[in-house]
Amino acid sequence: MLQGTGSDVGKSLLVAGLCRAATARGLRVRPFKPQNMSNNAATASDAGPDGGEIGRAQALQARACGVAPSIHMNPILLKPQSEIGAQVIVQGTVAGNATARDYHDLKTTLMPKVLDSFTRLSADADLILVEGAGSPAEVNLRDGDIANMGFAEAADIPVVLAADINRGGVIASLVGTHALLRDSERARIAGYIINKFRGDKTLFDPALSIIESHTGIPCLGVAPWFEDARHLPAEDAMALDSYTERNDDENPIRIAVPRLGRMANFDDLDPLRAENGVAVSIIQPGDVIPANTDIVLLPGSKSTRADLQALRDQGWDHDIHAH
């Protein structure tokens, strides 16, 4: 099981890469994420004629394994609808809505469903690669946990920590995460991976000894910055913080997309970004829609009325009328 020292450290892509590598060796591999939170969803056909929803990252990982997506690859999907509430999808089917407090109580009842899906996948696999959510160091949420160490202990599987060096503070994030875990959880950690490394690795080598001296766990690898990752669909809304315009054309078609709080399936923009002669930019809150915009594209929303109000609060409705 790959767990991270935080969100957006690259767990999903690392799991996808490992899925591909193990599949290339002839193993029957399946991805699994007990609990995901995302408004970027994919369809799995094994939930009936209407299909069922799973996180988009698990669909990508399934593709890396050369298999069709299954609802059992992501049995619990949370689709945020407000700052404190989300739609809860269990094994591909909408189970209802819950506030953060309600879900904290509800999740203790969901472990049987999670383990059922894990068992079903295991029946047809030589290897299951499990992805955690966020960080196991969020110990205030540890009771009833089904996403990280709670699941690892229930399924009795080893854990590898992934840390993002690109954002800085990687030593503190690894040592701090290790320090906050229970003794039984620390014993489950087989090692760690440094992700998104750029530069001269020899300068980082002393840090490996420092981390091991504080934690006792070895480094299993240093994964370099992967530039082509930008061509793959992002899942976490944090990716929108660094969303940059990509086009070398001198006079592209300029598409502006206002960033709304509950944007859904924003990776639908990826084909446009990949198109020659098209430049897509995310308009961040507080910014105006540029006057040289050719197309203003309003994204899908998981909370339409709230996002409409947010659009008006930002004054983007005036920009759109002016456009």
C-alpha atoms as a PDB file:
ATOM      1  CA  MET A   1       0.000   0.000   0.000  1.00  0.00           C
ATOM      2  CA  LEU A   2       1.351   3.402  -1.007  1.00  0.00           C
ATOM      3  CA  GLN A   3       0.517   6.159   1.466  1.00  0.00           C
ATOM      4  CA  GLY A   4       1.611   9.778   1.225  1.00  0.00           C
ATOM      5  CA  THR A   5       2.957  12.380   3.597  1.00  0.00           C
ATOM      6  CA  GLY A   6       0.257  14.677   2.192  1.00  0.00           C
ATOM      7  CA  SER A   7      -2.135  15.299  -0.671  1.00  0.00           C
ATOM      8  CA  ASP A   8      -0.836  15.710  -4.226  1.00  0.00           C
ATOM      9  CA  VAL A   9       2.530  14.089  -3.501  1.00  0.00           C
ATOM     10  CA  GLY A  10       2.112  11.856  -6.558  1.00  0.00           C
ATOM     11  CA  LYS A  11       0.616   8.679  -5.098  1.00  0.00           C
ATOM     12  CA  SER A  12      -1.798   8.110  -7.981  1.00  0.00           C
ATOM     13  CA  LEU A  13       0.842   8.373 -10.690  1.00  0.00           C
ATOM     14  CA  LEU A  14       3.335   6.238  -8.759  1.00  0.00           C
ATOM     15  CA  VAL A  15       0.708   3.518  -8.380  1.00  0.00           C
ATOM     16  CA  ALA A  16      -0.154   3.775 -12.082  1.00  0.00           C
ATOM     17  CA  GLY A  17       3.513   3.385 -12.990  1.00  0.00           C
ATOM     18  CA  LEU A  18       3.941   0.396 -10.689  1.00  0.00           C
ATOM     19  CA  CYS A  19       0.768  -1.131 -12.141  1.00  0.00           C
ATOM     20  CA  ARG A  20       2.195  -0.802 -15.630  1.00  0.00           C
ATOM     21  CA  ALA A  21       5.599  -2.191 -14.665  1.00  0.00           C
ATOM     22  CA  ALA A  22       4.166  -5.224 -12.857  1.00  0.00           C
ATOM     23  CA  THR A  23       1.703  -5.900 -15.687  1.00  0.00           C
ATOM     24  CA  ALA A  24       4.583  -5.803 -18.173  1.00  0.00           C
ATOM     25  CA  ARG A  25       6.210  -8.593 -16.158  1.00  0.00           C
ATOM     26  CA  GLY A  26       3.195 -10.801 -16.764  1.00  0.00           C
ATOM     27  CA  LEU A  27       1.421 -10.369 -13.436  1.00  0.00           C
ATOM     28  CA  ARG A  28      -2.330  -9.890 -13.105  1.00  0.00           C
ATOM     29  CA  VAL A  29      -2.426  -6.519 -11.365  1.00  0.00           C
ATOM     30  CA  ARG A  30      -5.326  -4.484 -10.013  1.00  0.00           C
ATOM     31  CA  PRO A  31      -5.366  -0.974  -8.474  1.00  0.00           C
ATOM     32  CA  PHE A  32      -7.340  -0.254  -5.327  1.00  0.00           C
ATOM     33  CA  LYS A  33      -8.147   2.878  -3.359  1.00  0.00           C
ATOM     34  CA  PRO A  34     -10.447   2.291  -0.370  1.00  0.00           C
ATOM     35  CA  GLN A  35     -11.682   5.878  -0.146  1.00  0.00           C
ATOM     36  CA  ASN A  36     -11.283   8.720  -2.596  1.00  0.00           C
ATOM     37  CA  MET A  37     -12.491  12.318  -2.577  1.00  0.00           C
ATOM     38  CA  SER A  38     -12.861  13.859  -6.002  1.00  0.00           C
ATOM     39  CA  ASN A  39     -15.350  15.468  -8.333  1.00  0.00           C
ATOM     40  CA  ASN A  40     -13.424  13.980 -11.249  1.00  0.00           C
ATOM     41  CA  ALA A  41     -15.167  10.642 -11.712  1.00  0.00           C
ATOM     42  CA  ALA A  42     -15.019   7.831 -14.246  1.00  0.00           C
ATOM     43  CA  THR A  43     -17.585   5.209 -15.152  1.00  0.00           C
ATOM     44  CA  ALA A  44     -17.227   1.511 -14.393  1.00  0.00           C
ATOM     45  CA  SER A  45     -19.559  -0.814 -16.278  1.00  0.00           C
ATOM     46  CA  ASP A  46     -19.782  -3.588 -13.689  1.00  0.00           C
ATOM     47  CA  ALA A  47     -22.418  -1.765 -11.608  1.00  0.00           C
ATOM     48  CA  GLY A  48     -25.251  -2.490 -14.037  1.00  0.00           C
ATOM     49  CA  PRO A  49     -26.568  -0.943 -17.248  1.00  0.00           C
ATOM     50  CA  ASP A  50     -26.171   2.615 -15.950  1.00  0.00           C
ATOM     51  CA  GLY A  51     -22.637   2.017 -14.718  1.00  0.00           C
ATOM     52  CA  GLY A  52     -21.105   3.166 -11.453  1.00  0.00           C
ATOM     53  CA  GLU A  53     -18.670   5.913 -10.491  1.00  0.00           C
ATOM     54  CA  ILE A  54     -15.085   5.631  -9.288  1.00  0.00           C
ATOM     55  CA  GLY A  55     -12.258   8.130  -9.025  1.00  0.00           C
ATOM     56  CA  ARG A  56     -10.652   9.097 -12.333  1.00  0.00           C
ATOM     57  CA  ALA A  57      -7.221   8.103 -10.992  1.00  0.00           C
ATOM     58  CA  GLN A  58      -8.323   4.496 -10.482  1.00  0.00           C
ATOM     59  CA  ALA A  59      -9.617   4.397 -14.064  1.00  0.00           C
ATOM     60  CA  LEU A  60      -6.172   5.532 -15.242  1.00  0.00           C
ATOM     61  CA  GLN A  61      -4.522   2.891 -13.060  1.00  0.00           C
ATOM     62  CA  ALA A  62      -6.851   0.229 -14.483  1.00  0.00           C
ATOM     63  CA  ARG A  63      -5.790   1.277 -17.959  1.00  0.00           C
ATOM     64  CA  ALA A  64      -2.163   0.881 -16.884  1.00  0.00           C
ATOM     65  CA  CYS A  65      -3.063  -2.693 -15.900  1.00  0.00           C
ATOM     66  CA  GLY A  66      -4.792  -3.304 -19.237  1.00  0.00           C
ATOM     67  CA  VAL A  67      -8.157  -4.037 -17.606  1.00  0.00           C
ATOM     68  CA  ALA A  68     -11.569  -2.369 -17.511  1.00  0.00           C
ATOM     69  CA  PRO A  69     -12.359  -0.098 -14.538  1.00  0.00           C
ATOM     70  CA  SER A  70     -14.358  -1.723 -11.756  1.00  0.00           C
ATOM     71  CA  ILE A  71     -16.444  -0.216  -8.986  1.00  0.00           C
ATOM     72  CA  HIS A  72     -14.441  -2.394  -6.603  1.00  0.00           C
ATOM     73  CA  MET A  73     -11.230  -0.500  -7.424  1.00  0.00           C
ATOM     74  CA  ASN A  74     -12.595   2.482  -5.469  1.00  0.00           C
ATOM     75  CA  PRO A  75     -15.487   1.316  -3.272  1.00  0.00           C
ATOM     76  CA  ILE A  76     -15.972   4.632  -1.439  1.00  0.00           C
ATOM     77  CA  LEU A  77     -16.040   7.845  -3.478  1.00  0.00           C
ATOM     78  CA  LEU A  78     -16.800  11.202  -1.880  1.00  0.00           C
ATOM     79  CA  LYS A  79     -17.870  13.998  -4.229  1.00  0.00           C
ATOM     80  CA  PRO A  80     -17.691  17.354  -2.400  1.00  0.00           C
ATOM     81  CA  GLN A  81     -20.789  19.537  -2.656  1.00  0.00           C
ATOM     82  CA  SER A  82     -19.878  22.205  -0.107  1.00  0.00           C
ATOM     83  CA  GLU A  83     -17.122  23.071   2.349  1.00  0.00           C
ATOM     84  CA  ILE A  84     -18.534  20.581   4.864  1.00  0.00           C
ATOM     85  CA  GLY A  85     -20.583  18.115   2.832  1.00  0.00           C
ATOM     86  CA  ALA A  86     -20.266  15.513   0.097  1.00  0.00           C
ATOM     87  CA  GLN A  87     -22.204  12.963  -1.893  1.00  0.00           C
ATOM     88  CA  VAL A  88     -21.259   9.451  -0.758  1.00  0.00           C
ATOM     89  CA  ILE A  89     -20.933   6.735  -3.398  1.00  0.00           C
ATOM     90  CA  VAL A  90     -20.553   3.151  -2.163  1.00  0.00           C
ATOM     91  CA  GLN A  91     -19.450   0.471  -4.630  1.00  0.00           C
ATOM     92  CA  GLY A  92     -20.486   2.652  -7.553  1.00  0.00           C
ATOM     93  CA  THR A  93     -23.941   3.616  -6.282  1.00  0.00           C
ATOM     94  CA  VAL A  94     -25.048   6.853  -4.620  1.00  0.00           C
ATOM     95  CA  ALA A  95     -25.724   6.121  -0.949  1.00  0.00           C
ATOM     96  CA  GLY A  96     -26.704   9.653   0.053  1.00  0.00           C
ATOM     97  CA  ASN A  97     -25.214  12.928   1.242  1.00  0.00           C
ATOM     98  CA  ALA A  98     -23.304  13.534   4.442  1.00  0.00           C
ATOM     99  CA  THR A  99     -21.678  16.391   6.297  1.00  0.00           C
ATOM    100  CA  ALA A 100     -18.065  15.968   7.345  1.00  0.00           C
ATOM    101  CA  ARG A 101     -19.195  15.188  10.901  1.00  0.00           C
ATOM    102  CA  ASP A 102     -21.814  12.684   9.758  1.00  0.00           C
ATOM    103  CA  TYR A 103     -19.327  10.937   7.484  1.00  0.00           C
ATOM    104  CA  HIS A 104     -16.794  10.682  10.293  1.00  0.00           C
ATOM    105  CA  ASP A 105     -19.376   8.574  12.134  1.00  0.00           C
ATOM    106  CA  LEU A 106     -20.583   6.760   8.998  1.00  0.00           C
ATOM    107  CA  LYS A 107     -17.183   5.576   7.811  1.00  0.00           C
ATOM    108  CA  THR A 108     -16.864   3.150  10.712  1.00  0.00           C
ATOM    109  CA  THR A 109     -19.690   1.145   9.108  1.00  0.00           C
ATOM    110  CA  LEU A 110     -18.100   1.101   5.642  1.00  0.00           C
ATOM    111  CA  MET A 111     -15.067  -1.096   6.305  1.00  0.00           C
ATOM    112  CA  PRO A 112     -16.995  -4.318   5.448  1.00  0.00           C
ATOM    113  CA  LYS A 113     -17.822  -2.881   2.005  1.00  0.00           C
ATOM    114  CA  VAL A 114     -14.205  -1.854   1.499  1.00  0.00           C
ATOM    115  CA  LEU A 115     -12.889  -5.283   2.468  1.00  0.00           C
ATOM    116  CA  ASP A 116     -15.534  -6.963   0.298  1.00  0.00           C
ATOM    117  CA  SER A 117     -14.322  -5.034  -2.752  1.00  0.00           C
ATOM    118  CA  PHE A 118     -10.688  -5.783  -1.891  1.00  0.00           C
ATOM    119  CA  THR A 119     -11.479  -9.498  -1.619  1.00  0.00           C
ATOM    120  CA  ARG A 120     -13.342  -9.497  -4.948  1.00  0.00           C
ATOM    121  CA  LEU A 121     -10.404  -7.868  -6.733  1.00  0.00           C
ATOM    122  CA  SER A 122      -7.917 -10.205  -5.083  1.00  0.00           C
ATOM    123  CA  ALA A 123      -9.702 -13.256  -6.492  1.00  0.00           C
ATOM    124  CA  ASP A 124      -8.525 -12.397 -10.013  1.00  0.00           C
ATOM    125  CA  ALA A 125      -5.169 -10.807  -9.250  1.00  0.00           C
ATOM    126  CA  ASP A 126      -1.608 -11.768  -8.461  1.00  0.00           C
ATOM    127  CA  LEU A 127      -0.904  -8.316  -7.060  1.00  0.00           C
ATOM    128  CA  ILE A 128      -3.084  -5.528  -5.656  1.00  0.00           C
ATOM    129  CA  LEU A 129      -1.495  -2.074  -5.510  1.00  0.00           C
ATOM    130  CA  VAL A 130      -3.344   0.015  -2.946  1.00  0.00           C
ATOM    131  CA  GLU A 131      -3.327   3.810  -2.797  1.00  0.00           C
ATOM    132  CA  GLY A 132      -4.002   5.708   0.399  1.00  0.00           C
ATOM    133  CA  ALA A 133      -5.706   9.094   0.684  1.00  0.00           C
ATOM    134  CA  GLY A 134      -4.161  12.294   1.964  1.00  0.00           C
ATOM    135  CA  SER A 135      -1.840  11.337   4.804  1.00  0.00           C
ATOM    136  CA  PRO A 136      -1.869   8.786   7.641  1.00  0.00           C
ATOM    137  CA  ALA A 137      -0.501  11.568   9.870  1.00  0.00           C
ATOM    138  CA  GLU A 138      -3.963  13.137  10.113  1.00  0.00           C
ATOM    139  CA  VAL A 139      -4.298  11.349  13.426  1.00  0.00           C
ATOM    140  CA  ASN A 140      -7.372  13.352  14.433  1.00  0.00           C
ATOM    141  CA  LEU A 141      -9.224  11.275  11.819  1.00  0.00           C
ATOM    142  CA  ARG A 142      -7.629   7.952  12.785  1.00  0.00           C
ATOM    143  CA  ASP A 143     -10.619   6.453  14.630  1.00  0.00           C
ATOM    144  CA  GLY A 144     -12.599   4.387  12.157  1.00  0.00           C
ATOM    145  CA  ASP A 145     -10.090   5.104   9.383  1.00  0.00           C
ATOM    146  CA  ILE A 146     -10.698   3.161   6.161  1.00  0.00           C
ATOM    147  CA  ALA A 147      -8.368   5.111   3.862  1.00  0.00           C
ATOM    148  CA  ASN A 148      -4.859   4.656   5.246  1.00  0.00           C
ATOM    149  CA  MET A 149      -3.471   2.762   8.235  1.00  0.00           C
ATOM    150  CA  GLY A 150      -6.921   1.589   9.286  1.00  0.00           C
ATOM    151  CA  PHE A 151      -7.264  -0.300   6.033  1.00  0.00           C
ATOM    152  CA  ALA A 152      -3.630  -1.466   6.009  1.00  0.00           C
ATOM    153  CA  GLU A 153      -4.132  -3.067   9.413  1.00  0.00           C
ATOM    154  CA  ALA A 154      -7.507  -4.583   8.495  1.00  0.00           C
ATOM    155  CA  ALA A 155      -6.086  -6.111   5.306  1.00  0.00           C
ATOM    156  CA  ASP A 156      -2.698  -6.839   6.943  1.00  0.00           C
ATOM    157  CA  ILE A 157      -0.570  -5.354   4.158  1.00  0.00           C
ATOM    158  CA  PRO A 158       2.779  -3.514   4.201  1.00  0.00           C
ATOM    159  CA  VAL A 159       3.006   0.232   3.601  1.00  0.00           C
ATOM    160  CA  VAL A 160       5.390   2.412   1.600  1.00  0.00           C
ATOM    161  CA  LEU A 161       5.398   6.168   2.243  1.00  0.00           C
ATOM    162  CA  ALA A 162       5.667   8.613  -0.668  1.00  0.00           C
ATOM    163  CA  ALA A 163       6.944  12.157  -0.147  1.00  0.00           C
ATOM    164  CA  ASP A 164       7.087  15.105  -2.550  1.00  0.00           C
ATOM    165  CA  ILE A 165      10.479  16.830  -2.555  1.00  0.00           C
ATOM    166  CA  ASN A 166       9.403  19.411  -5.117  1.00  0.00           C
ATOM    167  CA  ARG A 167       7.319  21.366  -2.593  1.00  0.00           C
ATOM    168  CA  GLY A 168      10.156  21.495  -0.030  1.00  0.00           C
ATOM    169  CA  GLY A 169      10.365  20.174   3.523  1.00  0.00           C
ATOM    170  CA  VAL A 170      10.585  16.521   2.540  1.00  0.00           C
ATOM    171  CA  ILE A 171      12.740  15.528   5.534  1.00  0.00           C
ATOM    172  CA  ALA A 172      10.310  17.099   7.993  1.00  0.00           C
ATOM    173  CA  SER A 173       7.297  15.574   6.249  1.00  0.00           C
ATOM    174  CA  LEU A 174       8.716  12.051   6.425  1.00  0.00           C
ATOM    175  CA  VAL A 175      10.139  12.281   9.945  1.00  0.00           C
ATOM    176  CA  GLY A 176       7.027  14.078  11.201  1.00  0.00           C
ATOM    177  CA  THR A 177       4.655  11.555   9.647  1.00  0.00           C
ATOM    178  CA  HIS A 178       6.629   8.683  11.162  1.00  0.00           C
ATOM    179  CA  ALA A 179       6.645  10.346  14.602  1.00  0.00           C
ATOM    180  CA  LEU A 180       2.862  10.758  14.666  1.00  0.00           C
ATOM    181  CA  LEU A 181       2.059   7.128  13.876  1.00  0.00           C
ATOM    182  CA  ARG A 182       1.338   4.404  16.403  1.00  0.00           C
ATOM    183  CA  ASP A 183       4.050   1.829  17.069  1.00  0.00           C
ATOM    184  CA  SER A 184       2.064  -0.869  15.264  1.00  0.00           C
ATOM    185  CA  GLU A 185       1.696   1.412  12.241  1.00  0.00           C
ATOM    186  CA  ARG A 186       5.396   2.285  12.125  1.00  0.00           C
ATOM    187  CA  ALA A 187       6.215  -1.423  12.132  1.00  0.00           C
ATOM    188  CA  ARG A 188       4.102  -1.814   8.993  1.00  0.00           C
ATOM    189  CA  ILE A 189       6.199   0.668   6.963  1.00  0.00           C
ATOM    190  CA  ALA A 190       8.630  -1.121   4.642  1.00  0.00           C
ATOM    191  CA  GLY A 191      10.287   2.035   3.324  1.00  0.00           C
ATOM    192  CA  TYR A 192       9.708   5.323   1.584  1.00  0.00           C
ATOM    193  CA  ILE A 193       9.952   6.866  -1.886  1.00  0.00           C
ATOM    194  CA  ILE A 194      11.128  10.383  -2.665  1.00  0.00           C
ATOM    195  CA  ASN A 195       9.006  11.678  -5.536  1.00  0.00           C
ATOM    196  CA  LYS A 196       9.335  14.565  -8.046  1.00  0.00           C
ATOM    197  CA  PHE A 197      13.100  14.965  -7.638  1.00  0.00           C
ATOM    198  CA  ARG A 198      14.924  17.545  -9.745  1.00  0.00           C
ATOM    199  CA  GLY A 199      18.592  18.463  -9.690  1.00  0.00           C
ATOM    200  CA  ASP A 200      21.791  16.748  -8.549  1.00  0.00           C
ATOM    201  CA  LYS A 201      20.873  13.671  -6.518  1.00  0.00           C
ATOM    202  CA  THR A 202      24.305  13.502  -4.870  1.00  0.00           C
ATOM    203  CA  LEU A 203      23.405  16.665  -2.961  1.00  0.00           C
ATOM    204  CA  PHE A 204      20.418  14.850  -1.487  1.00  0.00           C
ATOM    205  CA  ASP A 205      22.241  11.653  -0.515  1.00  0.00           C
ATOM    206  CA  PRO A 206      23.104  12.879   3.031  1.00  0.00           C
ATOM    207  CA  ALA A 207      19.385  13.478   3.633  1.00  0.00           C
ATOM    208  CA  LEU A 208      18.684   9.784   3.098  1.00  0.00           C
ATOM    209  CA  SER A 209      20.907   8.913   6.051  1.00  0.00           C
ATOM    210  CA  ILE A 210      19.296  11.636   8.172  1.00  0.00           C
ATOM    211  CA  ILE A 211      15.802  10.332   7.459  1.00  0.00           C
ATOM    212  CA  GLU A 212      16.797   6.743   8.193  1.00  0.00           C
ATOM    213  CA  SER A 213      18.529   7.736  11.438  1.00  0.00           C
ATOM    214  CA  HIS A 214      15.306   9.367  12.669  1.00  0.00           C
ATOM    215  CA  THR A 215      12.860   6.746  11.416  1.00  0.00           C
ATOM    216  CA  GLY A 216      14.749   3.500  10.910  1.00  0.00           C
ATOM    217  CA  ILE A 217      13.088   3.011   7.522  1.00  0.00           C
ATOM    218  CA  PRO A 218      15.076   2.783   4.275  1.00  0.00           C
ATOM    219  CA  CYS A 219      14.682   4.729   1.056  1.00  0.00           C
ATOM    220  CA  LEU A 220      13.331   2.429  -1.654  1.00  0.00           C
ATOM    221  CA  GLY A 221      13.917   4.871  -4.481  1.00  0.00           C
ATOM    222  CA  VAL A 222      14.104   8.449  -5.703  1.00  0.00           C
ATOM    223  CA  ALA A 223      11.652   9.077  -8.535  1.00  0.00           C
ATOM    224  CA  PRO A 224      12.630  11.924 -10.867  1.00  0.00           C
ATOM    225  CA  TRP A 225      10.384  14.748 -11.984  1.00  0.00           C
ATOM    226  CA  PHE A 226       8.180  13.376 -14.767  1.00  0.00           C
ATOM    227  CA  GLU A 227       7.476  16.157 -17.238  1.00  0.00           C
ATOM    228  CA  ASP A 228       5.050  14.070 -19.291  1.00  0.00           C
ATOM    229  CA  ALA A 229       2.768  13.713 -16.263  1.00  0.00           C
ATOM    230  CA  ARG A 230       1.117  16.927 -17.440  1.00  0.00           C
ATOM    231  CA  HIS A 231      -0.394  14.952 -20.310  1.00  0.00           C
ATOM    232  CA  LEU A 232      -2.241  12.669 -17.883  1.00  0.00           C
ATOM    233  CA  PRO A 233      -5.558  13.600 -16.247  1.00  0.00           C
ATOM    234  CA  ALA A 234      -5.282  15.268 -12.851  1.00  0.00           C
ATOM    235  CA  GLU A 235      -7.658  14.242 -10.101  1.00  0.00           C
ATOM    236  CA  ASP A 236      -7.050  16.524  -7.162  1.00  0.00           C
ATOM    237  CA  ALA A 237      -8.314  20.114  -7.378  1.00  0.00           C
ATOM    238  CA  MET A 238      -4.922  21.137  -5.983  1.00  0.00           C
ATOM    239  CA  ALA A 239      -3.647  20.614  -9.535  1.00  0.00           C
ATOM    240  CA  LEU A 240      -5.574  23.737 -10.517  1.00  0.00           C
ATOM    241  CA  ASP A 241      -3.250  25.825  -8.326  1.00  0.00           C
ATOM    242  CA  SER A 242      -0.422  25.239 -10.801  1.00  0.00           C
ATOM    243  CA  TYR A 243      -2.500  24.959 -13.962  1.00  0.00           C
ATOM    244  CA  THR A 244      -0.490  26.769 -16.644  1.00  0.00           C
ATOM    245  CA  GLU A 245      -1.215  27.745 -20.200  1.00  0.00           C
ATOM    246  CA  ARG A 246       0.624  25.507 -22.665  1.00  0.00           C
ATOM    247  CA  ASN A 247       0.853  26.619 -26.268  1.00  0.00           C
ATOM    248  CA  ASP A 248       3.679  27.754 -28.505  1.00  0.00           C
ATOM    249  CA  ASP A 249       1.420  29.217 -31.172  1.00  0.00           C
ATOM    250  CA  GLU A 250       1.905  32.959 -31.662  1.00  0.00           C
ATOM    251  CA  ASN A 251      -1.816  33.605 -32.037  1.00  0.00           C
ATOM    252  CA  PRO A 252      -3.751  30.782 -30.352  1.00  0.00           C
ATOM    253  CA  ILE A 253      -7.452  30.522 -29.684  1.00  0.00           C
ATOM    254  CA  ARG A 254      -7.637  31.675 -26.062  1.00  0.00           C
ATOM    255  CA  ILE A 255     -10.069  29.842 -23.788  1.00  0.00           C
ATOM    256  CA  ALA A 256     -10.679  31.186 -20.279  1.00  0.00           C
ATOM    257  CA  VAL A 257     -12.168  28.909 -17.607  1.00  0.00           C
ATOM    258  CA  PRO A 258     -13.278  30.579 -14.352  1.00  0.00           C
ATOM    259  CA  ARG A 259     -12.201  28.485 -11.389  1.00  0.00           C
ATOM    260  CA  LEU A 260     -15.318  27.582  -9.455  1.00  0.00           C
ATOM    261  CA  GLY A 261     -15.239  25.939  -6.046  1.00  0.00           C
ATOM    262  CA  ARG A 262     -17.029  22.727  -7.071  1.00  0.00           C
ATOM    263  CA  MET A 263     -15.662  22.203 -10.571  1.00  0.00           C
ATOM    264  CA  ALA A 264     -16.466  18.680 -11.756  1.00  0.00           C
ATOM    265  CA  ASN A 265     -14.403  16.637 -14.204  1.00  0.00           C
ATOM    266  CA  PHE A 266     -12.054  19.513 -14.969  1.00  0.00           C
ATOM    267  CA  ASP A 267      -9.804  17.017 -16.744  1.00  0.00           C
ATOM    268  CA  ASP A 268     -12.297  17.308 -19.618  1.00  0.00           C
ATOM    269  CA  LEU A 269     -10.199  20.364 -20.474  1.00  0.00           C
ATOM    270  CA  ASP A 270      -7.152  18.206 -21.215  1.00  0.00           C
ATOM    271  CA  PRO A 271      -8.009  17.490 -24.887  1.00  0.00           C
ATOM    272  CA  LEU A 272      -8.316  21.230 -25.479  1.00  0.00           C
ATOM    273  CA  ARG A 273      -4.970  21.863 -23.792  1.00  0.00           C
ATOM    274  CA  ALA A 274      -3.366  19.241 -26.018  1.00  0.00           C
ATOM    275  CA  GLU A 275      -4.715  20.819 -29.196  1.00  0.00           C
ATOM    276  CA  ASN A 276      -2.287  22.859 -31.286  1.00  0.00           C
ATOM    277  CA  GLY A 277      -3.345  26.461 -31.612  1.00  0.00           C
ATOM    278  CA  VAL A 278      -5.443  26.417 -28.427  1.00  0.00           C
ATOM    279  CA  ALA A 279      -4.431  27.999 -25.104  1.00  0.00           C
ATOM    280  CA  VAL A 280      -6.498  27.179 -22.006  1.00  0.00           C
ATOM    281  CA  SER A 281      -6.117  29.265 -18.859  1.00  0.00           C
ATOM    282  CA  ILE A 282      -7.777  28.834 -15.470  1.00  0.00           C
ATOM    283  CA  ILE A 283      -8.969  32.185 -14.121  1.00  0.00           C
ATOM    284  CA  GLN A 284      -8.269  32.203 -10.400  1.00  0.00           C
ATOM    285  CA  PRO A 285     -10.569  33.951  -7.891  1.00  0.00           C
ATOM    286  CA  GLY A 286      -9.702  37.630  -7.709  1.00  0.00           C
ATOM    287  CA  ASP A 287      -8.579  37.793 -11.339  1.00  0.00           C
ATOM    288  CA  VAL A 288     -10.584  39.189 -14.228  1.00  0.00           C
ATOM    289  CA  ILE A 289     -11.350  37.329 -17.431  1.00  0.00           C
ATOM    290  CA  PRO A 290      -8.813  38.730 -19.940  1.00  0.00           C
ATOM    291  CA  ALA A 291     -10.176  41.024 -22.614  1.00  0.00           C
ATOM    292  CA  ASN A 292      -8.355  39.087 -25.352  1.00  0.00           C
ATOM    293  CA  THR A 293     -10.252  35.879 -24.520  1.00  0.00           C
ATOM    294  CA  ASP A 294     -11.877  34.189 -27.517  1.00  0.00           C
ATOM    295  CA  ILE A 295     -14.036  31.725 -25.571  1.00  0.00           C
ATOM    296  CA  VAL A 296     -15.250  31.751 -21.970  1.00  0.00           C
ATOM    297  CA  LEU A 297     -15.924  28.158 -20.963  1.00  0.00           C
ATOM    298  CA  LEU A 298     -17.945  27.540 -17.806  1.00  0.00           C
ATOM    299  CA  PRO A 299     -16.991  24.187 -16.277  1.00  0.00           C
ATOM    300  CA  GLY A 300     -19.357  21.583 -14.909  1.00  0.00           C
ATOM    301  CA  SER A 301     -20.227  21.903 -11.248  1.00  0.00           C
ATOM    302  CA  LYS A 302     -21.158  19.575  -8.418  1.00  0.00           C
ATOM    303  CA  SER A 303     -22.970  22.453  -6.693  1.00  0.00           C
ATOM    304  CA  THR A 304     -24.497  24.571  -9.441  1.00  0.00           C
ATOM    305  CA  ARG A 305     -26.280  27.250  -7.437  1.00  0.00           C
ATOM    306  CA  ALA A 306     -23.364  27.828  -5.069  1.00  0.00           C
ATOM    307  CA  ASP A 307     -20.925  28.103  -7.968  1.00  0.00           C
ATOM    308  CA  LEU A 308     -23.268  30.470  -9.815  1.00  0.00           C
ATOM    309  CA  GLN A 309     -23.283  32.708  -6.755  1.00  0.00           C
ATOM    310  CA  ALA A 310     -19.487  32.474  -6.527  1.00  0.00           C
ATOM    311  CA  LEU A 311     -19.234  33.478 -10.190  1.00  0.00           C
ATOM    312  CA  ARG A 312     -21.328  36.562  -9.463  1.00  0.00           C
ATOM    313  CA  ASP A 313     -19.404  37.359  -6.280  1.00  0.00           C
ATOM    314  CA  GLN A 314     -16.189  37.430  -8.318  1.00  0.00           C
ATOM    315  CA  GLY A 315     -17.737  39.790 -10.844  1.00  0.00           C
ATOM    316  CA  TRP A 316     -17.194  37.275 -13.613  1.00  0.00           C
ATOM    317  CA  ASP A 317     -20.806  37.680 -14.737  1.00  0.00           C
ATOM    318  CA  HIS A 318     -19.938  41.252 -15.781  1.00  0.00           C
ATOM    319  CA  ASP A 319     -16.828  40.005 -17.598  1.00  0.00           C
ATOM    320  CA  ILE A 320     -18.930  37.434 -19.443  1.00  0.00           C
ATOM    321  CA  HIS A 321     -21.536  40.013 -20.469  1.00  0.00           C
ATOM    322  CA  ALA A 322     -18.757  42.346 -21.626  1.00  0.00           C
ATOM    323  CA  HIS A 323     -17.211  39.515 -23.611  1.00  0.00           C
END
